[in-house]
Amino acid sequence: MHVGSMRGPMKLQQLKYLLAIADNGLNITAAAERLYTSQPGVSKQLKLLEEELGLQLFTRKGKSLGGVTAAGRQVIERARVVMQEVENIRSLASDYYHEEEGTLSIATTHTQARYVLPAVIKEFRSRYPKVSLELHQGTSEQIADMVSANEIDFAIATGSRDLFSNLLLVPSYHWDRKILVPRSHELTKLERKITLRDLAEYPLVTYVFSFGGQSSLKRAFADEGLEPDVVFTARDADVIKTYVRMGLGVGIVASMAEDCEDRKDLSALSAEGLFPRSTTWIGFRKDAVLRRYMLDFVQLFAPHITADQLESTRHARSQEEIDALFDTQSLPVRNGCSDGMTAAA
């Protein structure tokens, strides 16, 4: 092989055409028909291959091929090995993609783990009993640290997109906040919609604020010229409820954190429109190889995703591609026990 005369990279397509010619009696027209392409296209690729290798693979009789040269026989023999390995790789990829055993590691917040994921994981386990699930809980910052350490396959969080620039984020659903108070609380007696000014008159119990930037809750009060009296914060909605029951203050939690059991002694009042609507997403690394069971988990968590969108998500390599996939799609709104899941307005 005259390496010095090589002009460019050898392509798998050229080896495929070479084998088709050899397997069709050196008849380029028959080879082209077998490959569902044109005869000139096959001839051109053969010529390029010979130029790149610096070898004559066939003898010519006018415009037809007369026979296989000695070098051609060796190249064809090795090309068969190469193309067989290509098929083996494709088969391996297909088997890996469809394999129903493995692990799935997820990092998320307490609210998602406690109120959203149980039903998703129950269905996932019924479909993939041999997949080992790992669930890690933390704040957005802690989840970002787990992502940076390559410890997880999926991250599930709300907002904080700037913390996850190395992930592709699939928007999953919207949610508003709910106001939780004891059943006899004064706010339950209002015969109108609750305002921020109403809330500013009471001590508030809510989530730990993000370390970076102003929280959307505090910003909403500030925009109205109000200063909220936040007396207690926690990462766990169940802890917030405990302190609401103790009379420490008015609870403000994510809408899906309203549990049906809470109705026994708490009233859940709508805060829709008082604070910006939040969007929860599920994210994965840009270089991730998403196996079939991983994609199924995404669709269970975000059932609005169509099969076509799911397949496109699998091959996406930038957030712009993901955003374009869901640009015109309305996300469902996840509420608590009293409202369930509703379509986005």
C-alpha atoms as a PDB file:
ATOM      1  CA  MET A   1       0.000   0.000   0.000  1.00  0.00           C
ATOM      2  CA  HIS A   2       1.479   3.324  -1.069  1.00  0.00           C
ATOM      3  CA  VAL A   3       0.606   5.345   2.011  1.00  0.00           C
ATOM      4  CA  GLY A   4       2.128   8.495   0.607  1.00  0.00           C
ATOM      5  CA  SER A   5      -0.447   8.591  -2.186  1.00  0.00           C
ATOM      6  CA  MET A   6      -3.492   8.449   0.128  1.00  0.00           C
ATOM      7  CA  ARG A   7      -5.658  11.529  -0.412  1.00  0.00           C
ATOM      8  CA  GLY A   8      -8.268  11.288   2.290  1.00  0.00           C
ATOM      9  CA  PRO A   9      -9.971   9.144   4.878  1.00  0.00           C
ATOM     10  CA  MET A  10     -11.303   5.758   3.824  1.00  0.00           C
ATOM     11  CA  LYS A  11     -15.064   5.550   4.340  1.00  0.00           C
ATOM     12  CA  LEU A  12     -17.188   2.602   5.397  1.00  0.00           C
ATOM     13  CA  GLN A  13     -19.523   3.372   2.509  1.00  0.00           C
ATOM     14  CA  GLN A  14     -16.641   2.765   0.070  1.00  0.00           C
ATOM     15  CA  LEU A  15     -15.914  -0.647   1.591  1.00  0.00           C
ATOM     16  CA  LYS A  16     -19.620  -1.469   1.427  1.00  0.00           C
ATOM     17  CA  TYR A  17     -19.690  -0.585  -2.298  1.00  0.00           C
ATOM     18  CA  LEU A  18     -16.491  -2.582  -2.901  1.00  0.00           C
ATOM     19  CA  LEU A  19     -18.041  -5.726  -1.394  1.00  0.00           C
ATOM     20  CA  ALA A  20     -21.259  -5.222  -3.366  1.00  0.00           C
ATOM     21  CA  ILE A  21     -19.230  -5.116  -6.599  1.00  0.00           C
ATOM     22  CA  ALA A  22     -17.321  -8.271  -5.634  1.00  0.00           C
ATOM     23  CA  ASP A  23     -20.551 -10.082  -4.691  1.00  0.00           C
ATOM     24  CA  ASN A  24     -22.368  -9.158  -7.903  1.00  0.00           C
ATOM     25  CA  GLY A  25     -19.938 -10.573 -10.432  1.00  0.00           C
ATOM     26  CA  LEU A  26     -18.064  -7.266 -10.820  1.00  0.00           C
ATOM     27  CA  ASN A  27     -21.221  -5.838 -12.352  1.00  0.00           C
ATOM     28  CA  ILE A  28     -21.416  -2.231 -11.138  1.00  0.00           C
ATOM     29  CA  THR A  29     -25.003  -1.789 -12.345  1.00  0.00           C
ATOM     30  CA  ALA A  30     -26.150  -4.869 -10.394  1.00  0.00           C
ATOM     31  CA  ALA A  31     -24.213  -3.688  -7.342  1.00  0.00           C
ATOM     32  CA  ALA A  32     -25.898  -0.275  -7.553  1.00  0.00           C
ATOM     33  CA  GLU A  33     -29.347  -1.903  -7.750  1.00  0.00           C
ATOM     34  CA  ARG A  34     -28.538  -4.035  -4.699  1.00  0.00           C
ATOM     35  CA  LEU A  35     -27.493  -0.892  -2.819  1.00  0.00           C
ATOM     36  CA  TYR A  36     -30.506   1.154  -4.035  1.00  0.00           C
ATOM     37  CA  THR A  37     -28.177   3.776  -5.468  1.00  0.00           C
ATOM     38  CA  SER A  38     -26.911   4.891  -8.883  1.00  0.00           C
ATOM     39  CA  GLN A  39     -24.282   3.213 -11.048  1.00  0.00           C
ATOM     40  CA  PRO A  40     -22.253   6.463 -11.426  1.00  0.00           C
ATOM     41  CA  GLY A  41     -22.280   6.864  -7.642  1.00  0.00           C
ATOM     42  CA  VAL A  42     -20.796   3.391  -7.141  1.00  0.00           C
ATOM     43  CA  SER A  43     -18.183   3.981  -9.846  1.00  0.00           C
ATOM     44  CA  LYS A  44     -17.180   7.289  -8.275  1.00  0.00           C
ATOM     45  CA  GLN A  45     -16.750   5.778  -4.803  1.00  0.00           C
ATOM     46  CA  LEU A  46     -14.680   2.897  -6.214  1.00  0.00           C
ATOM     47  CA  LYS A  47     -12.425   5.383  -8.028  1.00  0.00           C
ATOM     48  CA  LEU A  48     -12.011   7.454  -4.839  1.00  0.00           C
ATOM     49  CA  LEU A  49     -11.161   4.333  -2.839  1.00  0.00           C
ATOM     50  CA  GLU A  50      -8.489   3.273  -5.325  1.00  0.00           C
ATOM     51  CA  GLU A  51      -7.039   6.797  -5.316  1.00  0.00           C
ATOM     52  CA  GLU A  52      -7.018   6.968  -1.521  1.00  0.00           C
ATOM     53  CA  LEU A  53      -5.339   3.564  -1.210  1.00  0.00           C
ATOM     54  CA  GLY A  54      -2.972   4.133  -4.130  1.00  0.00           C
ATOM     55  CA  LEU A  55      -3.932   0.663  -5.386  1.00  0.00           C
ATOM     56  CA  GLN A  56      -5.732  -0.718  -8.436  1.00  0.00           C
ATOM     57  CA  LEU A  57      -8.326  -3.133  -7.092  1.00  0.00           C
ATOM     58  CA  PHE A  58      -9.768  -4.288 -10.432  1.00  0.00           C
ATOM     59  CA  THR A  59      -8.563  -4.715 -14.002  1.00  0.00           C
ATOM     60  CA  ARG A  60     -10.604  -2.903 -16.634  1.00  0.00           C
ATOM     61  CA  LYS A  61     -12.127  -3.894 -19.961  1.00  0.00           C
ATOM     62  CA  GLY A  62     -13.225  -0.619 -21.434  1.00  0.00           C
ATOM     63  CA  LYS A  63     -15.795   0.792 -18.990  1.00  0.00           C
ATOM     64  CA  SER A  64     -16.389  -2.588 -17.368  1.00  0.00           C
ATOM     65  CA  LEU A  65     -14.417  -4.417 -14.694  1.00  0.00           C
ATOM     66  CA  GLY A  66     -12.464  -7.381 -16.003  1.00  0.00           C
ATOM     67  CA  GLY A  67     -11.129  -9.028 -12.871  1.00  0.00           C
ATOM     68  CA  VAL A  68      -9.817  -8.596  -9.339  1.00  0.00           C
ATOM     69  CA  THR A  69      -6.141  -7.760  -8.870  1.00  0.00           C
ATOM     70  CA  ALA A  70      -3.988  -9.507  -6.265  1.00  0.00           C
ATOM     71  CA  ALA A  71      -4.104  -6.403  -4.095  1.00  0.00           C
ATOM     72  CA  GLY A  72      -7.855  -6.187  -4.665  1.00  0.00           C
ATOM     73  CA  ARG A  73      -8.374  -9.721  -3.330  1.00  0.00           C
ATOM     74  CA  GLN A  74      -6.563  -8.860  -0.092  1.00  0.00           C
ATOM     75  CA  VAL A  75      -8.435  -5.580   0.327  1.00  0.00           C
ATOM     76  CA  ILE A  76     -11.779  -7.324  -0.260  1.00  0.00           C
ATOM     77  CA  GLU A  77     -10.887 -10.012   2.271  1.00  0.00           C
ATOM     78  CA  ARG A  78     -10.036  -7.419   4.906  1.00  0.00           C
ATOM     79  CA  ALA A  79     -13.049  -5.270   4.003  1.00  0.00           C
ATOM     80  CA  ARG A  80     -15.280  -8.243   4.825  1.00  0.00           C
ATOM     81  CA  VAL A  81     -13.715  -8.458   8.274  1.00  0.00           C
ATOM     82  CA  VAL A  82     -14.164  -4.695   8.805  1.00  0.00           C
ATOM     83  CA  MET A  83     -17.815  -4.685   7.734  1.00  0.00           C
ATOM     84  CA  GLN A  84     -18.544  -7.736   9.881  1.00  0.00           C
ATOM     85  CA  GLU A  85     -17.109  -5.888  12.881  1.00  0.00           C
ATOM     86  CA  VAL A  86     -19.260  -2.867  11.999  1.00  0.00           C
ATOM     87  CA  GLU A  87     -22.315  -5.137  12.134  1.00  0.00           C
ATOM     88  CA  ASN A  88     -21.091  -6.564  15.420  1.00  0.00           C
ATOM     89  CA  ILE A  89     -20.814  -3.041  16.847  1.00  0.00           C
ATOM     90  CA  ARG A  90     -24.317  -2.198  15.635  1.00  0.00           C
ATOM     91  CA  SER A  91     -25.645  -5.408  17.154  1.00  0.00           C
ATOM     92  CA  LEU A  92     -23.843  -4.655  20.418  1.00  0.00           C
ATOM     93  CA  ALA A  93     -25.318  -1.145  20.489  1.00  0.00           C
ATOM     94  CA  SER A  94     -28.796  -2.503  19.815  1.00  0.00           C
ATOM     95  CA  ASP A  95     -28.444  -5.134  22.537  1.00  0.00           C
ATOM     96  CA  TYR A  96     -27.147  -2.523  24.984  1.00  0.00           C
ATOM     97  CA  TYR A  97     -29.975  -0.152  24.101  1.00  0.00           C
ATOM     98  CA  HIS A  98     -32.651  -2.816  24.573  1.00  0.00           C
ATOM     99  CA  GLU A  99     -31.053  -4.512  27.575  1.00  0.00           C
ATOM    100  CA  GLU A 100     -33.374  -4.680  30.569  1.00  0.00           C
ATOM    101  CA  GLU A 101     -30.721  -5.017  33.247  1.00  0.00           C
ATOM    102  CA  GLY A 102     -28.478  -2.335  34.719  1.00  0.00           C
ATOM    103  CA  THR A 103     -28.616   0.579  37.107  1.00  0.00           C
ATOM    104  CA  LEU A 104     -30.349   3.937  37.096  1.00  0.00           C
ATOM    105  CA  SER A 105     -29.085   6.614  39.457  1.00  0.00           C
ATOM    106  CA  ILE A 106     -31.256   9.691  40.026  1.00  0.00           C
ATOM    107  CA  ALA A 107     -30.619  12.834  42.062  1.00  0.00           C
ATOM    108  CA  THR A 108     -33.562  15.026  42.963  1.00  0.00           C
ATOM    109  CA  THR A 109     -35.127  17.228  45.634  1.00  0.00           C
ATOM    110  CA  HIS A 110     -37.126  15.927  48.578  1.00  0.00           C
ATOM    111  CA  THR A 111     -40.410  17.181  47.121  1.00  0.00           C
ATOM    112  CA  GLN A 112     -39.927  15.222  43.886  1.00  0.00           C
ATOM    113  CA  ALA A 113     -38.757  12.110  45.746  1.00  0.00           C
ATOM    114  CA  ARG A 114     -41.625  12.205  48.241  1.00  0.00           C
ATOM    115  CA  TYR A 115     -44.601  13.381  46.182  1.00  0.00           C
ATOM    116  CA  VAL A 116     -43.919  12.803  42.483  1.00  0.00           C
ATOM    117  CA  LEU A 117     -41.564   9.876  42.004  1.00  0.00           C
ATOM    118  CA  PRO A 118     -43.273   7.084  44.006  1.00  0.00           C
ATOM    119  CA  ALA A 119     -45.888   6.406  41.296  1.00  0.00           C
ATOM    120  CA  VAL A 120     -43.273   6.742  38.539  1.00  0.00           C
ATOM    121  CA  ILE A 121     -40.845   4.364  40.253  1.00  0.00           C
ATOM    122  CA  LYS A 122     -43.589   1.839  41.015  1.00  0.00           C
ATOM    123  CA  GLU A 123     -44.507   1.625  37.311  1.00  0.00           C
ATOM    124  CA  PHE A 124     -40.839   1.590  36.262  1.00  0.00           C
ATOM    125  CA  ARG A 125     -40.091  -1.287  38.656  1.00  0.00           C
ATOM    126  CA  SER A 126     -42.972  -3.308  37.250  1.00  0.00           C
ATOM    127  CA  ARG A 127     -41.531  -2.892  33.745  1.00  0.00           C
ATOM    128  CA  TYR A 128     -37.861  -3.356  34.639  1.00  0.00           C
ATOM    129  CA  PRO A 129     -37.572  -5.505  37.773  1.00  0.00           C
ATOM    130  CA  LYS A 130     -33.890  -6.229  37.052  1.00  0.00           C
ATOM    131  CA  VAL A 131     -32.809  -2.588  36.945  1.00  0.00           C
ATOM    132  CA  SER A 132     -31.296  -1.370  40.206  1.00  0.00           C
ATOM    133  CA  LEU A 133     -32.531   2.094  41.188  1.00  0.00           C
ATOM    134  CA  GLU A 134     -30.548   4.584  43.264  1.00  0.00           C
ATOM    135  CA  LEU A 135     -32.299   7.738  44.514  1.00  0.00           C
ATOM    136  CA  HIS A 136     -30.247  10.611  45.944  1.00  0.00           C
ATOM    137  CA  GLN A 137     -31.858  13.679  47.512  1.00  0.00           C
ATOM    138  CA  GLY A 138     -30.454  17.169  47.935  1.00  0.00           C
ATOM    139  CA  THR A 139     -30.715  20.850  47.129  1.00  0.00           C
ATOM    140  CA  SER A 140     -30.134  22.073  43.584  1.00  0.00           C
ATOM    141  CA  GLU A 141     -26.533  22.880  44.530  1.00  0.00           C
ATOM    142  CA  GLN A 142     -25.980  19.390  45.953  1.00  0.00           C
ATOM    143  CA  ILE A 143     -27.530  17.793  42.875  1.00  0.00           C
ATOM    144  CA  ALA A 144     -25.206  19.890  40.674  1.00  0.00           C
ATOM    145  CA  ASP A 145     -22.223  18.575  42.676  1.00  0.00           C
ATOM    146  CA  MET A 146     -23.374  14.981  42.053  1.00  0.00           C
ATOM    147  CA  VAL A 147     -23.677  15.749  38.343  1.00  0.00           C
ATOM    148  CA  SER A 148     -20.142  17.206  38.280  1.00  0.00           C
ATOM    149  CA  ALA A 149     -18.811  14.073  39.986  1.00  0.00           C
ATOM    150  CA  ASN A 150     -20.531  11.858  37.344  1.00  0.00           C
ATOM    151  CA  GLU A 151     -22.339  10.004  40.121  1.00  0.00           C
ATOM    152  CA  ILE A 152     -25.807  10.025  38.554  1.00  0.00           C
ATOM    153  CA  ASP A 153     -27.634   9.323  35.287  1.00  0.00           C
ATOM    154  CA  PHE A 154     -30.549  11.746  35.714  1.00  0.00           C
ATOM    155  CA  ALA A 155     -31.057  14.948  37.653  1.00  0.00           C
ATOM    156  CA  ILE A 156     -34.573  16.178  38.439  1.00  0.00           C
ATOM    157  CA  ALA A 157     -34.957  19.719  39.723  1.00  0.00           C
ATOM    158  CA  THR A 158     -36.812  22.992  39.260  1.00  0.00           C
ATOM    159  CA  GLY A 159     -35.307  26.096  37.668  1.00  0.00           C
ATOM    160  CA  SER A 160     -31.608  26.679  38.461  1.00  0.00           C
ATOM    161  CA  ARG A 161     -30.691  26.013  34.823  1.00  0.00           C
ATOM    162  CA  ASP A 162     -27.465  27.985  35.235  1.00  0.00           C
ATOM    163  CA  LEU A 163     -26.220  25.292  37.652  1.00  0.00           C
ATOM    164  CA  PHE A 164     -26.667  22.568  35.049  1.00  0.00           C
ATOM    165  CA  SER A 165     -25.116  23.927  31.847  1.00  0.00           C
ATOM    166  CA  ASN A 166     -23.428  20.539  31.277  1.00  0.00           C
ATOM    167  CA  LEU A 167     -26.804  18.753  31.110  1.00  0.00           C
ATOM    168  CA  LEU A 168     -29.570  18.554  28.528  1.00  0.00           C
ATOM    169  CA  LEU A 169     -32.794  19.499  30.321  1.00  0.00           C
ATOM    170  CA  VAL A 170     -36.187  18.127  29.224  1.00  0.00           C
ATOM    171  CA  PRO A 171     -39.077  20.279  30.544  1.00  0.00           C
ATOM    172  CA  SER A 172     -41.479  17.979  32.394  1.00  0.00           C
ATOM    173  CA  TYR A 173     -44.275  19.928  34.098  1.00  0.00           C
ATOM    174  CA  HIS A 174     -45.243  23.236  35.692  1.00  0.00           C
ATOM    175  CA  TRP A 175     -46.320  23.799  39.293  1.00  0.00           C
ATOM    176  CA  ASP A 176     -47.571  26.631  41.461  1.00  0.00           C
ATOM    177  CA  ARG A 177     -47.401  27.043  45.222  1.00  0.00           C
ATOM    178  CA  LYS A 178     -49.970  26.135  47.854  1.00  0.00           C
ATOM    179  CA  ILE A 179     -50.628  27.917  51.148  1.00  0.00           C
ATOM    180  CA  LEU A 180     -51.055  25.532  54.090  1.00  0.00           C
ATOM    181  CA  VAL A 181     -52.739  26.654  57.321  1.00  0.00           C
ATOM    182  CA  PRO A 182     -54.619  24.985  60.191  1.00  0.00           C
ATOM    183  CA  ARG A 183     -58.277  24.456  59.287  1.00  0.00           C
ATOM    184  CA  SER A 184     -59.478  27.218  61.614  1.00  0.00           C
ATOM    185  CA  HIS A 185     -56.975  29.833  60.419  1.00  0.00           C
ATOM    186  CA  GLU A 186     -58.145  33.367  59.564  1.00  0.00           C
ATOM    187  CA  LEU A 187     -56.993  33.017  55.930  1.00  0.00           C
ATOM    188  CA  THR A 188     -59.575  30.248  55.413  1.00  0.00           C
ATOM    189  CA  LYS A 189     -62.359  32.707  56.207  1.00  0.00           C
ATOM    190  CA  LEU A 190     -61.506  35.204  53.466  1.00  0.00           C
ATOM    191  CA  GLU A 191     -64.212  35.331  50.823  1.00  0.00           C
ATOM    192  CA  ARG A 192     -61.804  36.495  48.147  1.00  0.00           C
ATOM    193  CA  LYS A 193     -58.510  35.458  46.598  1.00  0.00           C
ATOM    194  CA  ILE A 194     -55.521  35.688  48.956  1.00  0.00           C
ATOM    195  CA  THR A 195     -53.017  38.458  48.157  1.00  0.00           C
ATOM    196  CA  LEU A 196     -49.329  38.875  48.972  1.00  0.00           C
ATOM    197  CA  ARG A 197     -50.317  41.670  51.337  1.00  0.00           C
ATOM    198  CA  ASP A 198     -52.453  39.147  53.241  1.00  0.00           C
ATOM    199  CA  LEU A 199     -49.511  36.751  53.524  1.00  0.00           C
ATOM    200  CA  ALA A 200     -47.139  39.530  54.601  1.00  0.00           C
ATOM    201  CA  GLU A 201     -49.222  39.946  57.758  1.00  0.00           C
ATOM    202  CA  TYR A 202     -48.301  36.462  59.024  1.00  0.00           C
ATOM    203  CA  PRO A 203     -45.055  34.664  59.902  1.00  0.00           C
ATOM    204  CA  LEU A 204     -44.171  32.344  57.005  1.00  0.00           C
ATOM    205  CA  VAL A 205     -42.736  28.830  56.934  1.00  0.00           C
ATOM    206  CA  THR A 206     -41.303  27.752  53.594  1.00  0.00           C
ATOM    207  CA  TYR A 207     -38.414  26.134  51.721  1.00  0.00           C
ATOM    208  CA  VAL A 208     -34.738  26.910  52.211  1.00  0.00           C
ATOM    209  CA  PHE A 209     -33.843  29.661  49.789  1.00  0.00           C
ATOM    210  CA  SER A 210     -31.248  29.067  47.087  1.00  0.00           C
ATOM    211  CA  PHE A 211     -27.734  30.194  47.948  1.00  0.00           C
ATOM    212  CA  GLY A 212     -27.353  31.900  44.596  1.00  0.00           C
ATOM    213  CA  GLY A 213     -29.475  34.917  43.729  1.00  0.00           C
ATOM    214  CA  GLN A 214     -32.775  36.109  45.145  1.00  0.00           C
ATOM    215  CA  SER A 215     -35.570  33.552  45.461  1.00  0.00           C
ATOM    216  CA  SER A 216     -38.677  33.978  43.331  1.00  0.00           C
ATOM    217  CA  LEU A 217     -40.765  34.041  46.547  1.00  0.00           C
ATOM    218  CA  LYS A 218     -38.856  36.950  48.071  1.00  0.00           C
ATOM    219  CA  ARG A 219     -38.760  38.734  44.728  1.00  0.00           C
ATOM    220  CA  ALA A 220     -42.567  38.511  44.387  1.00  0.00           C
ATOM    221  CA  PHE A 221     -42.996  40.268  47.761  1.00  0.00           C
ATOM    222  CA  ALA A 222     -40.317  42.847  46.932  1.00  0.00           C
ATOM    223  CA  ASP A 223     -42.058  43.713  43.648  1.00  0.00           C
ATOM    224  CA  GLU A 224     -45.110  44.670  45.725  1.00  0.00           C
ATOM    225  CA  GLY A 225     -43.019  46.690  48.160  1.00  0.00           C
ATOM    226  CA  LEU A 226     -43.526  44.082  50.894  1.00  0.00           C
ATOM    227  CA  GLU A 227     -41.103  42.364  53.262  1.00  0.00           C
ATOM    228  CA  PRO A 228     -42.144  38.785  54.135  1.00  0.00           C
ATOM    229  CA  ASP A 229     -41.645  37.600  57.704  1.00  0.00           C
ATOM    230  CA  VAL A 230     -39.999  34.226  57.031  1.00  0.00           C
ATOM    231  CA  VAL A 231     -39.520  32.662  60.467  1.00  0.00           C
ATOM    232  CA  PHE A 232     -38.540  29.123  59.495  1.00  0.00           C
ATOM    233  CA  THR A 233     -37.163  27.372  56.394  1.00  0.00           C
ATOM    234  CA  ALA A 234     -36.619  23.689  55.629  1.00  0.00           C
ATOM    235  CA  ARG A 235     -35.803  21.535  52.614  1.00  0.00           C
ATOM    236  CA  ASP A 236     -38.529  19.045  53.472  1.00  0.00           C
ATOM    237  CA  ALA A 237     -42.225  19.893  52.923  1.00  0.00           C
ATOM    238  CA  ASP A 238     -43.194  17.408  55.641  1.00  0.00           C
ATOM    239  CA  VAL A 239     -41.057  19.341  58.139  1.00  0.00           C
ATOM    240  CA  ILE A 240     -42.721  22.585  57.027  1.00  0.00           C
ATOM    241  CA  LYS A 241     -46.139  21.012  57.649  1.00  0.00           C
ATOM    242  CA  THR A 242     -45.073  19.909  61.116  1.00  0.00           C
ATOM    243  CA  TYR A 243     -44.276  23.486  62.076  1.00  0.00           C
ATOM    244  CA  VAL A 244     -47.467  24.815  60.485  1.00  0.00           C
ATOM    245  CA  ARG A 245     -49.377  22.369  62.695  1.00  0.00           C
ATOM    246  CA  MET A 246     -47.453  23.708  65.707  1.00  0.00           C
ATOM    247  CA  GLY A 247     -48.739  27.189  64.876  1.00  0.00           C
ATOM    248  CA  LEU A 248     -45.320  28.573  63.967  1.00  0.00           C
ATOM    249  CA  GLY A 249     -46.604  30.215  60.809  1.00  0.00           C
ATOM    250  CA  VAL A 250     -48.331  30.000  57.417  1.00  0.00           C
ATOM    251  CA  GLY A 251     -46.775  27.336  55.196  1.00  0.00           C
ATOM    252  CA  ILE A 252     -45.897  27.951  51.541  1.00  0.00           C
ATOM    253  CA  VAL A 253     -45.012  24.746  49.674  1.00  0.00           C
ATOM    254  CA  ALA A 254     -44.974  23.319  46.162  1.00  0.00           C
ATOM    255  CA  SER A 255     -48.480  22.426  44.987  1.00  0.00           C
ATOM    256  CA  MET A 256     -47.708  18.708  44.649  1.00  0.00           C
ATOM    257  CA  ALA A 257     -46.664  18.605  48.317  1.00  0.00           C
ATOM    258  CA  GLU A 258     -50.330  18.855  49.362  1.00  0.00           C
ATOM    259  CA  ASP A 259     -51.091  15.330  50.525  1.00  0.00           C
ATOM    260  CA  CYS A 260     -54.626  13.968  50.884  1.00  0.00           C
ATOM    261  CA  GLU A 261     -53.858  13.082  54.512  1.00  0.00           C
ATOM    262  CA  ASP A 262     -53.185  16.766  55.200  1.00  0.00           C
ATOM    263  CA  ARG A 263     -56.888  17.547  54.858  1.00  0.00           C
ATOM    264  CA  LYS A 264     -57.569  16.099  58.304  1.00  0.00           C
ATOM    265  CA  ASP A 265     -56.139  19.160  60.035  1.00  0.00           C
ATOM    266  CA  LEU A 266     -54.807  21.531  57.347  1.00  0.00           C
ATOM    267  CA  SER A 267     -56.431  23.644  54.655  1.00  0.00           C
ATOM    268  CA  ALA A 268     -54.664  24.062  51.314  1.00  0.00           C
ATOM    269  CA  LEU A 269     -55.300  27.457  49.702  1.00  0.00           C
ATOM    270  CA  SER A 270     -54.330  28.377  46.174  1.00  0.00           C
ATOM    271  CA  ALA A 271     -51.360  30.689  45.625  1.00  0.00           C
ATOM    272  CA  GLU A 272     -51.674  30.538  41.836  1.00  0.00           C
ATOM    273  CA  GLY A 273     -50.677  33.866  40.336  1.00  0.00           C
ATOM    274  CA  LEU A 274     -49.009  35.171  43.500  1.00  0.00           C
ATOM    275  CA  PHE A 275     -45.621  33.743  42.586  1.00  0.00           C
ATOM    276  CA  PRO A 276     -44.037  32.877  39.223  1.00  0.00           C
ATOM    277  CA  ARG A 277     -45.062  29.442  37.926  1.00  0.00           C
ATOM    278  CA  SER A 278     -42.190  26.975  38.264  1.00  0.00           C
ATOM    279  CA  THR A 279     -41.005  24.376  35.746  1.00  0.00           C
ATOM    280  CA  THR A 280     -39.516  21.030  36.747  1.00  0.00           C
ATOM    281  CA  TRP A 281     -37.151  19.296  34.316  1.00  0.00           C
ATOM    282  CA  ILE A 282     -35.294  16.017  33.998  1.00  0.00           C
ATOM    283  CA  GLY A 283     -31.713  16.276  32.778  1.00  0.00           C
ATOM    284  CA  PHE A 284     -28.920  14.014  31.532  1.00  0.00           C
ATOM    285  CA  ARG A 285     -25.322  14.516  30.402  1.00  0.00           C
ATOM    286  CA  LYS A 286     -24.709  15.578  26.816  1.00  0.00           C
ATOM    287  CA  ASP A 287     -22.456  12.574  26.209  1.00  0.00           C
ATOM    288  CA  ALA A 288     -24.842  10.074  27.832  1.00  0.00           C
ATOM    289  CA  VAL A 289     -25.823   6.894  26.008  1.00  0.00           C
ATOM    290  CA  LEU A 290     -29.512   6.567  26.873  1.00  0.00           C
ATOM    291  CA  ARG A 291     -30.631   2.955  27.094  1.00  0.00           C
ATOM    292  CA  ARG A 292     -34.203   1.898  26.448  1.00  0.00           C
ATOM    293  CA  TYR A 293     -35.134   1.702  30.118  1.00  0.00           C
ATOM    294  CA  MET A 294     -33.693   5.176  30.702  1.00  0.00           C
ATOM    295  CA  LEU A 295     -35.863   6.651  27.954  1.00  0.00           C
ATOM    296  CA  ASP A 296     -38.880   4.845  29.385  1.00  0.00           C
ATOM    297  CA  PHE A 297     -38.184   6.452  32.745  1.00  0.00           C
ATOM    298  CA  VAL A 298     -38.106   9.898  31.099  1.00  0.00           C
ATOM    299  CA  GLN A 299     -41.456   9.213  29.449  1.00  0.00           C
ATOM    300  CA  LEU A 300     -42.987   7.949  32.696  1.00  0.00           C
ATOM    301  CA  PHE A 301     -41.843  11.102  34.468  1.00  0.00           C
ATOM    302  CA  ALA A 302     -42.938  13.370  31.608  1.00  0.00           C
ATOM    303  CA  PRO A 303     -45.764  11.470  29.846  1.00  0.00           C
ATOM    304  CA  HIS A 304     -46.510  14.371  27.495  1.00  0.00           C
ATOM    305  CA  ILE A 305     -43.381  13.429  25.532  1.00  0.00           C
ATOM    306  CA  THR A 306     -44.247  11.626  22.282  1.00  0.00           C
ATOM    307  CA  ALA A 307     -42.323   8.633  20.920  1.00  0.00           C
ATOM    308  CA  ASP A 308     -40.825  10.825  18.171  1.00  0.00           C
ATOM    309  CA  GLN A 309     -39.732  13.477  20.667  1.00  0.00           C
ATOM    310  CA  LEU A 310     -38.235  10.773  22.858  1.00  0.00           C
ATOM    311  CA  GLU A 311     -36.189   9.396  19.966  1.00  0.00           C
ATOM    312  CA  SER A 312     -35.046  12.906  19.025  1.00  0.00           C
ATOM    313  CA  THR A 313     -34.140  13.556  22.663  1.00  0.00           C
ATOM    314  CA  ARG A 314     -31.960  10.462  22.606  1.00  0.00           C
ATOM    315  CA  HIS A 315     -29.856  11.910  19.773  1.00  0.00           C
ATOM    316  CA  ALA A 316     -29.853  15.569  20.881  1.00  0.00           C
ATOM    317  CA  ARG A 317     -26.467  17.116  21.596  1.00  0.00           C
ATOM    318  CA  SER A 318     -27.370  20.676  22.601  1.00  0.00           C
ATOM    319  CA  GLN A 319     -29.924  22.429  24.795  1.00  0.00           C
ATOM    320  CA  GLU A 320     -31.057  24.395  21.734  1.00  0.00           C
ATOM    321  CA  GLU A 321     -32.123  21.118  20.092  1.00  0.00           C
ATOM    322  CA  ILE A 322     -34.081  20.105  23.205  1.00  0.00           C
ATOM    323  CA  ASP A 323     -35.720  23.532  23.512  1.00  0.00           C
ATOM    324  CA  ALA A 324     -36.744  23.421  19.841  1.00  0.00           C
ATOM    325  CA  LEU A 325     -38.373  20.004  20.373  1.00  0.00           C
ATOM    326  CA  PHE A 326     -40.690  21.362  23.083  1.00  0.00           C
ATOM    327  CA  ASP A 327     -40.918  25.014  22.034  1.00  0.00           C
ATOM    328  CA  THR A 328     -44.590  24.955  21.060  1.00  0.00           C
ATOM    329  CA  GLN A 329     -45.757  22.276  23.500  1.00  0.00           C
ATOM    330  CA  SER A 330     -47.827  23.101  26.571  1.00  0.00           C
ATOM    331  CA  LEU A 331     -46.676  21.366  29.725  1.00  0.00           C
ATOM    332  CA  PRO A 332     -49.140  19.870  32.208  1.00  0.00           C
ATOM    333  CA  VAL A 333     -49.538  21.553  35.591  1.00  0.00           C
ATOM    334  CA  ARG A 334     -48.992  19.298  38.597  1.00  0.00           C
ATOM    335  CA  ASN A 335     -51.158  20.125  41.582  1.00  0.00           C
ATOM    336  CA  GLY A 336     -51.753  18.545  44.964  1.00  0.00           C
ATOM    337  CA  CYS A 337     -54.305  16.056  46.240  1.00  0.00           C
ATOM    338  CA  SER A 338     -57.290  18.315  45.680  1.00  0.00           C
ATOM    339  CA  ASP A 339     -56.541  19.129  42.052  1.00  0.00           C
ATOM    340  CA  GLY A 340     -54.401  16.372  40.549  1.00  0.00           C
ATOM    341  CA  MET A 341     -52.787  16.995  37.157  1.00  0.00           C
ATOM    342  CA  THR A 342     -54.245  19.499  34.724  1.00  0.00           C
ATOM    343  CA  ALA A 343     -53.363  20.621  31.221  1.00  0.00           C
ATOM    344  CA  ALA A 344     -51.425  23.851  30.925  1.00  0.00           C
ATOM    345  CA  ALA A 345     -53.457  26.943  30.196  1.00  0.00           C
END
